[in-house]
Protein backbone atom coordinates (compact mmCIF):
# COMPACT_ATOMS: atom_id res chain seq x y z
CA MET A 1 93.32 -16.63 -43.40
CA THR A 2 93.36 -15.59 -39.99
CA GLU A 3 93.75 -17.14 -36.59
CA GLU A 4 91.29 -16.16 -34.19
CA ARG A 5 93.65 -14.91 -31.03
CA HIS A 6 93.41 -14.21 -28.01
CA GLU A 7 95.29 -11.49 -25.89
CA PRO A 8 97.69 -13.17 -22.72
CA GLY A 9 96.09 -14.13 -19.74
CA SER A 10 92.58 -13.16 -21.39
CA ARG A 11 89.60 -16.07 -20.80
CA ARG A 12 86.32 -16.03 -21.70
CA ARG A 13 83.66 -15.48 -17.85
CA ASP A 14 80.29 -16.90 -17.72
CA GLY A 15 77.62 -14.47 -19.17
CA ASP A 16 79.64 -13.67 -22.02
CA THR A 17 77.98 -14.07 -25.44
CA GLU A 18 79.50 -14.82 -29.02
CA ALA A 19 82.75 -13.06 -30.30
CA GLY A 20 81.22 -9.48 -31.26
CA GLY A 21 78.61 -9.37 -28.89
CA LEU A 22 77.17 -7.35 -25.87
CA THR A 23 77.48 -9.32 -22.49
CA LEU A 24 76.34 -8.56 -19.48
CA VAL A 25 79.55 -7.36 -18.29
CA ASP A 26 79.42 -4.64 -21.36
CA LEU A 27 76.24 -3.42 -20.15
CA ALA A 28 77.43 -3.25 -15.69
CA LEU A 29 80.52 -1.67 -17.97
CA PHE A 30 78.57 1.13 -20.24
CA LEU A 31 75.56 2.07 -16.83
CA TRP A 32 78.59 2.55 -14.75
CA SER A 33 80.48 4.70 -16.96
CA GLN A 34 77.47 6.68 -17.61
CA LYS A 35 76.34 6.90 -13.90
CA PHE A 36 76.57 10.44 -14.37
CA VAL A 37 74.07 10.84 -16.73
CA LEU A 38 71.89 8.70 -15.17
CA LEU A 39 71.79 10.20 -11.52
CA ILE A 40 71.34 14.19 -13.46
CA VAL A 41 68.42 13.09 -15.49
CA VAL A 42 66.67 10.78 -12.88
CA GLY A 43 67.36 12.96 -10.49
CA LEU A 44 65.68 16.27 -12.57
CA SER A 45 62.81 13.95 -13.08
CA VAL A 46 62.11 13.63 -9.39
CA ALA A 47 63.04 17.21 -9.00
CA LEU A 48 60.30 18.37 -11.40
CA ALA A 49 57.40 15.70 -9.56
CA LEU A 50 58.62 16.65 -6.34
CA ALA A 51 58.23 20.59 -6.74
CA TYR A 52 54.74 19.73 -8.91
CA ALA A 53 53.51 17.40 -6.02
CA LEU A 54 54.01 20.05 -3.37
CA GLY A 55 52.74 22.95 -5.35
CA ARG A 56 49.86 21.39 -7.19
CA GLU A 57 46.28 21.73 -5.53
CA ARG A 58 44.93 18.53 -4.75
CA VAL A 59 41.63 17.23 -6.54
CA TYR A 60 38.57 16.07 -4.16
CA GLU A 61 35.32 13.76 -5.12
CA PHE A 62 31.84 16.02 -4.04
CA THR A 63 29.38 14.00 -3.58
CA THR A 64 25.48 14.29 -3.23
CA THR A 65 22.90 11.55 -2.76
CA ILE A 66 19.78 12.44 -3.81
CA GLU A 67 16.80 10.25 -2.81
CA LEU A 68 14.12 10.54 -5.82
CA GLY A 69 10.25 11.65 -5.14
CA TRP A 70 8.17 9.21 -4.25
CA TYR A 71 4.68 8.41 -3.19
CA GLN A 72 4.07 5.13 -0.86
CA SER A 73 1.20 2.58 -3.16
CA GLU A 74 -0.63 -0.08 -0.79
CA ASP A 75 2.57 -2.21 0.61
CA THR A 76 5.18 -0.75 -2.42
CA ALA A 77 6.95 2.81 -2.54
CA GLN A 78 6.68 4.23 -6.17
CA THR A 79 8.95 7.07 -7.56
CA LEU A 80 6.81 10.11 -9.00
CA GLU A 81 9.74 8.52 -12.36
CA PRO A 82 11.79 5.38 -13.34
CA VAL A 83 15.27 5.59 -12.25
CA GLU A 84 16.06 5.82 -15.60
CA ALA A 85 14.30 8.00 -17.01
CA VAL A 86 15.58 10.89 -14.01
CA ILE A 87 19.70 9.46 -14.59
CA ALA A 88 19.00 10.26 -18.37
CA LYS A 89 17.60 13.72 -17.87
CA LEU A 90 20.18 14.82 -15.53
CA ASN A 91 23.16 12.98 -17.74
CA ASN A 92 21.48 15.08 -20.42
CA SER A 93 20.02 18.02 -19.75
CA PHE A 94 19.71 19.36 -16.10
CA ILE A 95 23.20 18.81 -15.40
CA PRO A 96 24.58 20.44 -18.82
CA THR A 97 22.27 23.59 -18.31
CA ALA A 98 23.31 24.03 -14.89
CA ILE A 99 26.42 24.14 -15.67
CA GLU A 100 26.22 26.32 -18.44
CA ARG A 101 24.48 28.66 -15.94
CA TRP A 102 27.16 27.81 -13.42
CA ALA A 103 29.56 29.05 -15.56
CA ALA A 104 28.31 32.17 -16.35
CA GLU A 105 27.35 32.90 -13.10
CA LEU A 106 31.14 32.40 -11.83
CA GLU A 107 32.76 34.00 -14.66
CA ALA A 108 31.00 37.35 -13.73
CA GLU A 109 31.32 36.72 -10.00
CA ASN A 110 35.17 35.58 -10.63
CA GLY A 111 36.31 36.29 -14.15
CA GLU A 112 37.42 32.66 -14.36
CA VAL A 113 35.77 29.26 -14.18
CA PRO A 114 37.08 26.03 -12.97
CA GLY A 115 37.23 22.98 -15.48
CA VAL A 116 34.51 20.76 -13.69
CA ARG A 117 32.78 17.57 -14.84
CA LEU A 118 29.59 16.03 -13.18
CA ILE A 119 27.50 12.85 -13.80
CA ALA A 120 25.05 11.37 -12.28
CA ARG A 121 24.58 7.27 -11.67
CA PRO A 122 22.30 5.49 -9.59
CA LEU A 123 22.96 3.42 -6.74
CA THR A 124 22.21 -0.47 -7.29
CA ASP A 125 18.77 -1.47 -6.08
CA THR A 126 17.75 2.02 -4.68
CA SER A 127 15.58 4.90 -5.83
CA LEU A 128 18.90 6.92 -4.73
CA VAL A 129 21.13 8.91 -7.43
CA LEU A 130 24.60 10.03 -7.02
CA LEU A 131 26.19 13.30 -7.86
CA SER A 132 29.21 13.02 -8.63
CA SER A 133 32.19 15.65 -9.65
CA ALA A 134 35.80 16.29 -9.05
CA GLY A 135 38.05 19.99 -8.14
CA THR A 136 39.94 21.44 -5.71
CA ALA A 137 39.23 22.39 -2.37
CA ALA A 138 39.15 26.10 -3.12
CA ASN A 139 36.08 25.66 -5.75
CA SER A 140 34.30 23.79 -2.88
CA HIS A 141 31.53 26.16 -2.15
CA SER A 142 31.13 26.69 -6.00
CA ILE A 143 30.67 23.05 -6.72
CA LYS A 144 28.32 22.47 -3.88
CA ARG A 145 26.15 25.50 -5.87
CA LEU A 146 26.47 23.70 -8.83
CA HIS A 147 25.04 20.42 -7.15
CA GLU A 148 22.39 21.88 -5.20
CA ARG A 149 21.21 23.79 -8.67
CA VAL A 150 20.99 20.51 -10.57
CA LEU A 151 18.92 19.01 -7.61
CA ARG A 152 16.48 22.48 -7.74
CA MET A 153 16.10 21.73 -11.13
CA LEU A 154 15.16 18.17 -10.52
CA ALA A 155 12.76 19.15 -7.98
CA ASN A 156 11.12 21.76 -9.78
CA ASP A 157 10.82 19.64 -12.68
CA GLN A 158 9.15 17.16 -10.81
CA ARG A 159 6.72 19.26 -9.18
CA GLN A 160 3.87 18.80 -11.23
CA GLU A 161 3.69 14.79 -10.69
CA PHE A 162 4.30 15.74 -6.98
CA GLU A 163 0.80 17.80 -7.17
CA LEU A 164 -0.85 15.53 -9.11
CA GLU A 165 -0.24 12.54 -6.82
CA LYS A 166 -0.62 15.44 -4.06
CA THR A 167 -4.02 15.99 -5.68
CA ARG A 168 -5.36 12.18 -5.74
CA LEU A 169 -4.12 11.32 -2.07
CA GLU A 170 -6.04 14.56 -0.71
CA LYS A 171 -8.77 13.24 -2.32
CA GLU A 172 -8.60 10.07 -1.68
CA LEU A 173 -8.22 11.14 2.26
CA GLU A 174 -11.29 13.06 2.05
CA LEU A 175 -13.44 10.28 0.42
CA ALA A 176 -12.13 7.56 3.59
CA ALA A 177 -12.61 10.44 6.15
CA ILE A 178 -16.18 11.41 4.91
CA ALA A 179 -16.93 7.37 4.89
CA LEU A 180 -15.69 7.27 8.68
CA GLU A 181 -17.76 10.36 9.88
CA GLU A 182 -20.66 8.41 8.57
CA LEU A 183 -20.12 5.16 10.12
CA GLU A 184 -19.26 6.91 13.49
CA ASP A 185 -22.20 9.51 13.10
CA GLU A 186 -25.06 8.24 15.77
CA ARG A 187 -27.73 10.20 14.09
CA VAL A 188 -27.20 7.70 10.32
CA GLN A 189 -26.64 4.90 12.42
CA ARG A 190 -29.80 5.70 14.25
CA VAL A 191 -32.22 5.60 10.90
CA ALA A 192 -31.04 2.18 10.30
CA ARG A 193 -31.64 1.22 13.72
CA LYS A 194 -34.73 2.76 14.09
CA ARG A 195 -36.19 1.10 10.95
CA LEU A 196 -35.22 -2.30 12.02
CA GLU A 197 -36.22 -1.86 15.80
CA ASN A 198 -39.76 -0.16 14.26
CA LYS A 199 -40.00 -3.40 12.35
CA ILE A 200 -39.56 -5.53 15.41
CA GLY A 201 -41.65 -2.94 17.07
CA GLN A 202 -44.64 -4.32 15.18
CA ALA A 203 -44.08 -7.66 14.85
CA GLN A 204 -44.08 -7.52 18.51
CA ALA A 205 -46.84 -5.37 18.79
CA GLN A 206 -49.08 -7.68 16.02
CA ILE A 207 -47.67 -11.08 18.25
CA GLU A 208 -49.83 -9.29 21.11
CA LYS A 209 -52.80 -8.28 18.73
CA LEU A 210 -52.74 -11.98 17.77
CA ALA A 211 -52.39 -13.20 21.16
CA ASP A 212 -55.38 -11.28 22.51
CA SER A 213 -57.41 -12.85 19.42
CA GLU A 214 -56.53 -16.07 20.70
CA ARG A 215 -57.05 -16.00 24.12
CA LEU A 216 -60.78 -14.06 22.98
CA ILE A 217 -61.46 -16.96 20.87
CA GLU A 218 -60.25 -19.81 23.17
CA ARG A 219 -62.96 -17.92 25.61
CA GLN A 220 -65.42 -17.97 22.94
CA LEU A 221 -65.04 -21.75 22.52
CA ALA A 222 -64.92 -22.46 26.21
CA SER A 223 -68.59 -20.15 26.32
CA LEU A 224 -69.85 -22.05 23.34
CA GLU A 225 -68.60 -25.22 25.19
CA SER A 226 -71.05 -24.08 27.89
CA ARG A 227 -73.95 -23.55 25.83
CA GLN A 228 -73.44 -27.01 24.40
CA SER A 229 -73.46 -28.49 28.01
CA LEU A 230 -76.76 -26.31 29.05
CA ILE A 231 -78.26 -27.31 25.44
CA GLU A 232 -77.75 -30.93 25.97
CA ALA A 233 -78.83 -30.53 29.95
CA ARG A 234 -81.56 -28.58 28.83
CA LEU A 235 -83.65 -30.77 26.21
CA PRO A 236 -84.01 -34.17 28.05
CA GLU A 237 -86.19 -31.26 30.30
CA LEU A 238 -87.85 -30.01 27.83
CA ASP A 239 -89.12 -33.55 26.12
CA ARG A 240 -89.99 -33.98 29.88
CA TYR A 241 -92.19 -31.05 29.59
CA ILE A 242 -93.54 -32.00 26.07
CA GLU A 243 -94.68 -35.41 27.18
CA GLU A 244 -96.24 -33.84 30.40
CA ALA A 245 -98.11 -30.89 27.87
CA ARG A 246 -98.73 -34.00 25.51
CA ALA A 247 -100.46 -35.75 28.26
CA SER A 248 -102.47 -33.27 29.63
CA ARG A 249 -103.77 -31.99 26.37
CA THR A 250 -104.76 -35.12 26.12
CA SER A 251 -106.53 -35.30 29.53
CA ALA A 252 -107.90 -31.71 28.79
CA VAL A 253 -109.36 -33.06 25.33
CA GLU A 254 -111.17 -35.80 27.13
CA ASP A 255 -112.96 -33.39 29.97
CA ALA A 256 -113.56 -31.11 27.13
CA GLY A 257 -117.39 -29.17 27.58
CA SER A 258 -117.45 -26.11 29.44
CA GLY A 259 -116.35 -23.02 27.37
CA ALA A 260 -113.38 -22.80 30.37
CA ASP A 261 -112.16 -26.33 29.33
CA GLY A 262 -111.35 -25.30 25.89
CA MET A 263 -109.67 -22.15 27.07
CA THR A 264 -107.34 -24.86 29.38
CA LEU A 265 -106.73 -27.02 26.20
CA MET A 266 -105.77 -24.11 23.72
CA LEU A 267 -103.61 -22.31 26.42
CA ILE A 268 -101.66 -26.18 26.73
CA SER A 269 -101.90 -26.63 23.04
CA SER A 270 -100.33 -23.38 22.60
CA SER A 271 -97.38 -24.38 25.37
CA LEU A 272 -96.88 -27.52 23.34
CA GLN A 273 -96.28 -25.97 20.73
CA GLU A 274 -93.69 -23.29 21.99
CA ASP A 275 -92.55 -25.99 23.56
CA ILE A 276 -91.91 -28.14 20.36
CA GLU A 277 -90.45 -25.40 18.61
CA ARG A 278 -88.08 -24.52 21.39
CA GLN A 279 -86.66 -28.28 21.38
CA ALA A 280 -86.01 -27.90 17.65
CA GLN A 281 -84.31 -24.88 17.97
CA LEU A 282 -81.86 -26.22 20.45
CA GLU A 283 -81.72 -29.54 18.73
CA GLU A 284 -80.69 -27.24 15.44
CA ALA A 285 -78.58 -25.73 17.22
CA LEU A 286 -76.60 -28.79 18.62
CA ALA A 287 -76.43 -30.39 15.73
CA VAL A 288 -75.42 -27.42 13.05
CA ASN A 289 -74.99 -24.59 14.58
CA ILE A 290 -72.56 -25.20 17.46
CA PRO A 291 -70.47 -27.08 15.38
CA ASN A 292 -70.52 -24.57 12.56
CA GLU A 293 -69.51 -22.05 15.03
CA ARG A 294 -66.96 -24.05 16.81
CA ALA A 295 -65.27 -24.93 13.78
CA ARG A 296 -65.25 -21.56 12.67
CA LEU A 297 -63.89 -20.11 16.01
CA GLU A 298 -61.32 -23.35 15.92
CA ASN A 299 -59.89 -22.03 12.56
CA GLN A 300 -59.35 -18.65 13.05
CA LEU A 301 -57.92 -20.14 16.59
CA ALA A 302 -55.43 -22.04 14.05
CA GLU A 303 -54.57 -19.13 11.88
CA ALA A 304 -53.75 -16.45 14.89
CA ARG A 305 -51.46 -18.73 16.13
CA ARG A 306 -50.02 -19.91 12.66
CA GLU A 307 -49.71 -15.86 11.92
CA GLN A 308 -48.36 -15.80 15.73
CA LEU A 309 -45.40 -18.21 14.05
CA VAL A 310 -44.77 -15.87 11.03
CA GLN A 311 -44.59 -12.86 13.29
CA ALA A 312 -42.21 -14.30 15.49
CA GLU A 313 -39.65 -15.84 12.81
CA GLN A 314 -39.78 -12.31 11.14
CA VAL A 315 -39.15 -10.56 14.45
CA GLU A 316 -35.81 -12.99 15.29
CA GLU A 317 -35.27 -12.39 11.44
CA PHE A 318 -35.12 -8.76 12.24
CA GLN A 319 -33.07 -8.61 15.20
CA ALA A 320 -30.56 -10.86 13.81
CA GLU A 321 -30.49 -8.01 10.97
CA LEU A 322 -29.97 -5.66 13.33
CA ASP A 323 -27.43 -7.40 15.37
CA LYS A 324 -25.79 -8.02 11.85
CA LEU A 325 -25.99 -4.12 11.16
CA LEU A 326 -24.85 -3.47 14.34
CA VAL A 327 -21.73 -5.53 14.09
CA ASP A 328 -21.06 -4.73 9.96
CA GLN A 329 -20.81 -1.06 11.23
CA GLU A 330 -18.54 -1.49 14.13
CA ARG A 331 -16.39 -3.98 11.57
CA ALA A 332 -16.51 -1.53 9.05
CA VAL A 333 -15.21 1.69 11.32
CA ALA A 334 -12.38 -0.98 12.71
CA ARG A 335 -11.55 -1.05 8.89
CA GLN A 336 -12.07 2.39 7.81
CA ARG A 337 -9.97 3.96 10.98
CA PRO A 338 -6.99 2.50 9.91
CA ARG A 339 -7.14 3.09 5.70
CA VAL A 340 -7.95 7.14 6.96
CA GLN A 341 -4.60 6.48 9.02
CA GLU A 342 -3.05 5.01 5.95
CA VAL A 343 -4.00 6.98 3.31
CA ARG A 344 -3.04 10.43 5.68
CA SER A 345 0.65 8.05 6.06
CA TYR A 346 1.11 8.21 2.31
CA LEU A 347 -0.01 11.51 2.17
CA ASP A 348 2.63 12.60 4.58
CA SER A 349 5.68 10.35 3.46
CA LEU A 350 4.88 12.02 -0.73
CA GLN A 351 7.82 14.17 -1.19
CA VAL A 352 9.87 15.69 -4.40
CA SER A 353 13.48 14.63 -4.57
CA ARG A 354 15.69 16.15 -2.42
CA ALA A 355 19.33 15.69 -1.20
CA LEU A 356 19.40 13.21 1.38
CA ILE A 357 23.04 13.62 2.32
CA GLU A 358 24.05 16.85 1.40
CA PRO A 359 27.10 17.71 -1.37
CA ARG A 360 30.40 16.92 0.41
CA ARG A 361 33.78 16.70 -0.40
CA SER A 362 35.60 13.16 -0.04
CA LEU A 363 38.31 12.99 2.76
CA ARG A 364 40.95 11.65 0.76
CA PRO A 365 42.19 13.47 -2.24
CA VAL A 366 40.38 11.59 -5.82
CA ASP A 367 43.56 12.26 -8.10
CA VAL A 368 47.55 10.93 -8.05
CA SER A 369 49.24 10.71 -4.48
CA SER A 370 52.38 12.27 -4.11
CA ARG A 371 54.50 8.54 -3.42
CA ASN A 372 52.97 7.29 -6.40
CA LEU A 373 54.01 10.65 -8.71
CA LEU A 374 57.37 9.97 -7.17
CA VAL A 375 57.75 6.55 -8.95
CA LEU A 376 55.91 7.04 -11.78
CA ALA A 377 58.59 10.16 -12.17
CA ALA A 378 61.26 7.86 -11.07
CA PHE A 379 60.76 5.53 -13.70
CA VAL A 380 60.16 7.56 -16.66
CA GLY A 381 63.39 9.22 -15.71
CA LEU A 382 65.25 6.16 -15.24
CA VAL A 383 63.99 5.36 -19.57
CA ALA A 384 65.21 9.17 -20.48
CA ALA A 385 68.26 8.51 -18.49
CA LEU A 386 68.84 5.36 -20.83
CA LEU A 387 67.69 6.81 -24.08
CA VAL A 388 70.23 10.05 -23.21
CA ALA A 389 72.87 7.63 -22.25
CA GLY A 390 72.73 5.85 -25.22
CA LEU A 391 72.15 8.48 -27.89
CA ILE A 392 75.09 9.60 -25.97
CA SER A 393 77.44 6.39 -26.68
CA LEU A 394 76.10 6.11 -30.06
CA ALA A 395 77.28 9.53 -30.51
CA ARG A 396 80.91 8.92 -28.89
CA ALA A 397 80.92 5.20 -30.86
CA ALA A 398 80.27 7.63 -34.25
CA ARG A 399 83.18 10.34 -33.65
CA SER A 400 85.73 7.91 -33.13
CA GLN A 401 85.09 5.87 -35.85
CA TYR A 402 85.28 9.12 -38.04
CA GLU A 403 88.49 10.06 -36.22
CA SER A 404 89.69 6.51 -37.10
CA GLU A 405 89.08 6.43 -40.64
CA LYS A 406 90.35 10.08 -40.39
CA ARG A 407 93.80 8.91 -39.28
CA GLY A 408 93.99 6.10 -41.80
CA ARG A 409 93.92 8.39 -44.93
């Protein structure tokens, strides 16, 4: 049985592991022994990265902001096509086709085609689409041409929708302009106004005619009253004449004896009969004819006055209708003018998809920076150096063991 012994002066130190294990001191000694390998590998990695960083072409981002074709609809702006549909068309059809044609043109011109990846994505909550691609500064012109080609393809695709909407707005503007012209045309207004003015004039003329009739009837009634008064004044006088004629006839009858007296009696009797008939006529006129005529004239007077009231109401109605017509025309014109301007503004604002911001290159490169590249190279070089150092150490240990076994035999 063997005992574990230590060399004189040897002792355990902090950080040591169990006997036969690897200590931090061993690791430090190992790294120090392989310092030249580590420095050479890391330096070579950094030098290669630095050479690449200095000799490479920097990659920039090229972007084009597209405003989709739109039109104004009442209070909201509507795109000619939904944004999602436009994005699908761009990524699945227009961009691949444009890249294929663009590559063919560049190959014919220069004999080489730079690799490029172009994508379209929407800008959140807007009707804007962003075309984005990456490339070197030397390819700026050709990449911008690619962006412009995609934009032209999109604009041409939306041309039909644009023309349909433009035709609709032009028709709407034409109808609105015609309606405004009719409202502002004095001849059109004059027809409706003249019709009501004629009705008012006719009603007023009828009122004047009825007023003349009323005055005539009133004069006839006054004349009838005068006639009645004359008859009433005439009847007592006529009664007296009749009484006197009767008395004269009685006296003549008593004195009748000669032919001359008979003739006188006949004349008195004839005059008396005429007076009696005249009295009867006057009494009939006073009792029957005059009341009937008065009633007829009063009825006519009342009818004329009622008709005047009816005509006056019609005049008021026609006048109110005329005033309303004028006010309605003014209001209609006031409403139609802004409508024409509104539709015209819709038509003026109608547009196909266009580049809101022309194709441009980013100010700074978008690839890995030189600093990050060197840091990454140093890290990779360190890992590689440790691996190489480990392999060298392993090879030395294997060689030492082999030589020891060989001497032992």
